């Protein structure tokens, strides 16, 4: 059963990894030239052609335009990818200071909270994610898992059952059904 649980969690995490942070341009005016510079810098990092130059350019943009949410998001994403969790958390918290309900920042902070066994915090982050982006069904799973870890079995069941119809494949569905069965048979 532990292997199934780990497999389900790994599959769900993999499926939720972003290809790119959602843009927050509707909430902040950013000049087209700054946005183009940012996109070019991100490409340098993602393509591996000159990642350090790209990071330095994104940093420069974030310093010159501290309210540029996309620059803060990208620095958070790249910090997380390079294992610099404290920097990533700081960047995502900066994003939330600029855009209280930013689903991308809340999603990352929810993941970090779960890894640190801060399940109450994780629940709040994932609830914000789901409220802002109801297409992100994995938030339901993570809220359920956090409730389960806190011993809130009824809440965990509720969220697992809400998530189950959206499970991406039969292996994940089987794992979630295992959690549900385990909770019902306590």
Foldseek 3Di string as FASTA:
>chain_A
DVVLLVVLVVVLVVVPDDPAFDAPCVLDPDDPVLVVQLVVLLCCCVVVVNVVVSLVSLVVSCVVPVLRLRSLQSQLVVCVVVVVNVSNLVSLVSSCVNPVLRLSSLCVVLVVCVVVLVLVSNLVSLVSNCVVPVVSLVSLQSNLVSCVSVVVLVSNLVSLVVSLVVRPDDSSNVSSVVSNVVSVVD
